[in-house]
Amino acid sequence: MQDSATRRDAGVDRVGPGSQTDSVDTEERQHHEDQAVSQVIDRLAERFPDRPRSFIEDVVLDERHQLEGKPIRDYVPVLIEHGAKARLRQSTGHGPAHIQPH
C-alpha cells in the first residue's frame, strides 16, 4: 500500500484542473519560467554586448509571447533563448529584429 506522500508525488491526490493545488502549481511554474526568462536575458546580454539590453528584452519577450498558450511549458525558456539568439545574430541592434505582429 502506498503512503500519502507517494500517492501525492504520483499525482493521485490531485483534485484536477482548477483546484487550489493546480493554482499553486501554476503559480510556481510561472515563477520558475519568469526566473528562467530573466536568466535568458542576462545570458544574451553577455553574448551580444553590442545590443542594447532593452532591445534584447524586447526580442526575448516577443519570443515568449509567441509561445503563450502552448500546453507544455518545460522547454519554453530554451525555445525563447534559441529563437532570440537567432534573431539577435541577424539584427543590427537598432531596430526590430523581425518582431512578429500579434
C-alpha atoms as a PDB file:
ATOM      1  CA  MET A   1       0.000   0.000   0.000  1.00  0.00           C
ATOM      2  CA  GLN A   2       1.308   3.486  -0.904  1.00  0.00           C
ATOM      3  CA  ASP A   3       1.608   6.164   1.712  1.00  0.00           C
ATOM      4  CA  SER A   4       0.017   9.569   1.105  1.00  0.00           C
ATOM      5  CA  ALA A   5       3.350  11.203   0.168  1.00  0.00           C
ATOM      6  CA  THR A   6       3.958   8.577  -2.516  1.00  0.00           C
ATOM      7  CA  ARG A   7       0.409   8.969  -3.867  1.00  0.00           C
ATOM      8  CA  ARG A   8       0.762  12.755  -3.852  1.00  0.00           C
ATOM      9  CA  ASP A   9       4.095  12.557  -5.703  1.00  0.00           C
ATOM     10  CA  ALA A  10       2.441  10.295  -8.262  1.00  0.00           C
ATOM     11  CA  GLY A  11      -0.349  12.830  -8.718  1.00  0.00           C
ATOM     12  CA  VAL A  12      -3.018  10.589  -7.170  1.00  0.00           C
ATOM     13  CA  ASP A  13      -4.236  13.164  -4.626  1.00  0.00           C
ATOM     14  CA  ARG A  14      -4.685  15.964  -7.160  1.00  0.00           C
ATOM     15  CA  VAL A  15      -8.231  17.141  -7.494  1.00  0.00           C
ATOM     16  CA  GLY A  16      -7.970  18.261 -11.112  1.00  0.00           C
ATOM     17  CA  PRO A  17      -7.781  21.400 -13.232  1.00  0.00           C
ATOM     18  CA  GLY A  18      -8.927  24.481 -11.412  1.00  0.00           C
ATOM     19  CA  SER A  19      -8.186  23.081  -7.973  1.00  0.00           C
ATOM     20  CA  GLN A  20      -6.221  25.022  -5.385  1.00  0.00           C
ATOM     21  CA  THR A  21      -3.310  22.608  -5.838  1.00  0.00           C
ATOM     22  CA  ASP A  22      -3.387  23.236  -9.585  1.00  0.00           C
ATOM     23  CA  SER A  23      -3.385  27.007  -8.980  1.00  0.00           C
ATOM     24  CA  VAL A  24      -0.328  26.776  -6.701  1.00  0.00           C
ATOM     25  CA  ASP A  25       1.469  24.579  -9.225  1.00  0.00           C
ATOM     26  CA  THR A  26       0.657  27.088 -11.971  1.00  0.00           C
ATOM     27  CA  GLU A  27       1.992  29.963  -9.878  1.00  0.00           C
ATOM     28  CA  GLU A  28       5.185  28.031  -9.116  1.00  0.00           C
ATOM     29  CA  ARG A  29       5.668  27.145 -12.779  1.00  0.00           C
ATOM     30  CA  GLN A  30       5.077  30.782 -13.770  1.00  0.00           C
ATOM     31  CA  HIS A  31       7.601  31.982 -11.189  1.00  0.00           C
ATOM     32  CA  HIS A  32      10.145  29.410 -12.379  1.00  0.00           C
ATOM     33  CA  GLU A  33       9.556  30.407 -16.011  1.00  0.00           C
ATOM     34  CA  ASP A  34       9.893  34.125 -15.160  1.00  0.00           C
ATOM     35  CA  GLN A  35      13.236  33.448 -13.463  1.00  0.00           C
ATOM     36  CA  ALA A  36      14.440  31.341 -16.392  1.00  0.00           C
ATOM     37  CA  VAL A  37      13.460  34.050 -18.895  1.00  0.00           C
ATOM     38  CA  SER A  38      15.317  36.637 -16.813  1.00  0.00           C
ATOM     39  CA  GLN A  39      18.402  34.413 -16.953  1.00  0.00           C
ATOM     40  CA  VAL A  40      17.979  34.094 -20.734  1.00  0.00           C
ATOM     41  CA  ILE A  41      18.039  37.900 -20.997  1.00  0.00           C
ATOM     42  CA  ASP A  42      21.195  38.045 -18.853  1.00  0.00           C
ATOM     43  CA  ARG A  43      22.968  35.385 -20.955  1.00  0.00           C
ATOM     44  CA  LEU A  44      22.015  37.054 -24.225  1.00  0.00           C
ATOM     45  CA  ALA A  45      23.119  40.468 -22.918  1.00  0.00           C
ATOM     46  CA  GLU A  46      26.538  38.951 -22.218  1.00  0.00           C
ATOM     47  CA  ARG A  47      26.659  37.189 -25.576  1.00  0.00           C
ATOM     48  CA  PHE A  48      25.540  40.279 -27.536  1.00  0.00           C
ATOM     49  CA  PRO A  49      27.195  43.205 -25.696  1.00  0.00           C
ATOM     50  CA  ASP A  50      26.787  45.421 -28.764  1.00  0.00           C
ATOM     51  CA  ARG A  51      22.974  45.230 -28.489  1.00  0.00           C
ATOM     52  CA  PRO A  52      21.123  47.463 -26.031  1.00  0.00           C
ATOM     53  CA  ARG A  53      19.689  45.430 -23.150  1.00  0.00           C
ATOM     54  CA  SER A  54      16.250  46.926 -23.802  1.00  0.00           C
ATOM     55  CA  PHE A  55      16.418  45.596 -27.367  1.00  0.00           C
ATOM     56  CA  ILE A  56      17.342  42.110 -26.106  1.00  0.00           C
ATOM     57  CA  GLU A  57      14.479  42.256 -23.592  1.00  0.00           C
ATOM     58  CA  ASP A  58      12.035  43.186 -26.371  1.00  0.00           C
ATOM     59  CA  VAL A  59      13.197  40.290 -28.545  1.00  0.00           C
ATOM     60  CA  VAL A  60      13.019  37.806 -25.664  1.00  0.00           C
ATOM     61  CA  LEU A  61       9.565  38.996 -24.574  1.00  0.00           C
ATOM     62  CA  ASP A  62       8.322  38.759 -28.153  1.00  0.00           C
ATOM     63  CA  GLU A  63       9.645  35.202 -28.391  1.00  0.00           C
ATOM     64  CA  ARG A  64       7.875  34.404 -25.126  1.00  0.00           C
ATOM     65  CA  HIS A  65       4.650  35.938 -26.395  1.00  0.00           C
ATOM     66  CA  GLN A  66       4.767  33.689 -29.464  1.00  0.00           C
ATOM     67  CA  LEU A  67       4.832  30.645 -27.172  1.00  0.00           C
ATOM     68  CA  GLU A  68       1.910  31.743 -24.964  1.00  0.00           C
ATOM     69  CA  GLY A  69      -0.884  29.242 -24.709  1.00  0.00           C
ATOM     70  CA  LYS A  70       1.312  26.270 -25.511  1.00  0.00           C
ATOM     71  CA  PRO A  71       0.430  23.474 -23.092  1.00  0.00           C
ATOM     72  CA  ILE A  72       3.918  22.173 -22.326  1.00  0.00           C
ATOM     73  CA  ARG A  73       5.913  24.933 -20.639  1.00  0.00           C
ATOM     74  CA  ASP A  74       9.027  22.996 -19.538  1.00  0.00           C
ATOM     75  CA  TYR A  75      11.089  23.953 -22.586  1.00  0.00           C
ATOM     76  CA  VAL A  76       9.750  27.469 -23.129  1.00  0.00           C
ATOM     77  CA  PRO A  77      12.891  29.262 -21.805  1.00  0.00           C
ATOM     78  CA  VAL A  78      15.105  27.104 -24.055  1.00  0.00           C
ATOM     79  CA  LEU A  79      12.904  27.809 -27.077  1.00  0.00           C
ATOM     80  CA  ILE A  80      12.837  31.521 -26.241  1.00  0.00           C
ATOM     81  CA  GLU A  81      16.623  31.650 -25.984  1.00  0.00           C
ATOM     82  CA  HIS A  82      17.086  29.732 -29.237  1.00  0.00           C
ATOM     83  CA  GLY A  83      14.697  31.985 -31.174  1.00  0.00           C
ATOM     84  CA  ALA A  84      16.011  35.206 -29.646  1.00  0.00           C
ATOM     85  CA  LYS A  85      19.627  34.218 -30.275  1.00  0.00           C
ATOM     86  CA  ALA A  86      18.886  33.581 -33.952  1.00  0.00           C
ATOM     87  CA  ARG A  87      17.117  36.916 -34.290  1.00  0.00           C
ATOM     88  CA  LEU A  88      19.872  38.804 -32.459  1.00  0.00           C
ATOM     89  CA  ARG A  89      22.511  37.306 -34.754  1.00  0.00           C
ATOM     90  CA  GLN A  90      20.590  38.698 -37.739  1.00  0.00           C
ATOM     91  CA  SER A  91      19.838  42.107 -36.260  1.00  0.00           C
ATOM     92  CA  THR A  92      21.835  45.279 -36.066  1.00  0.00           C
ATOM     93  CA  GLY A  93      20.505  46.045 -32.590  1.00  0.00           C
ATOM     94  CA  HIS A  94      18.961  49.319 -33.623  1.00  0.00           C
ATOM     95  CA  GLY A  95      15.515  48.254 -34.755  1.00  0.00           C
ATOM     96  CA  PRO A  96      13.041  45.423 -34.550  1.00  0.00           C
ATOM     97  CA  ALA A  97      14.609  42.016 -35.000  1.00  0.00           C
ATOM     98  CA  HIS A  98      11.831  40.671 -37.193  1.00  0.00           C
ATOM     99  CA  ILE A  99       9.306  41.107 -34.404  1.00  0.00           C
ATOM    100  CA  GLN A 100       6.158  39.265 -35.398  1.00  0.00           C
ATOM    101  CA  PRO A 101       2.872  41.171 -35.427  1.00  0.00           C
ATOM    102  CA  HIS A 102       0.475  39.946 -32.732  1.00  0.00           C
END
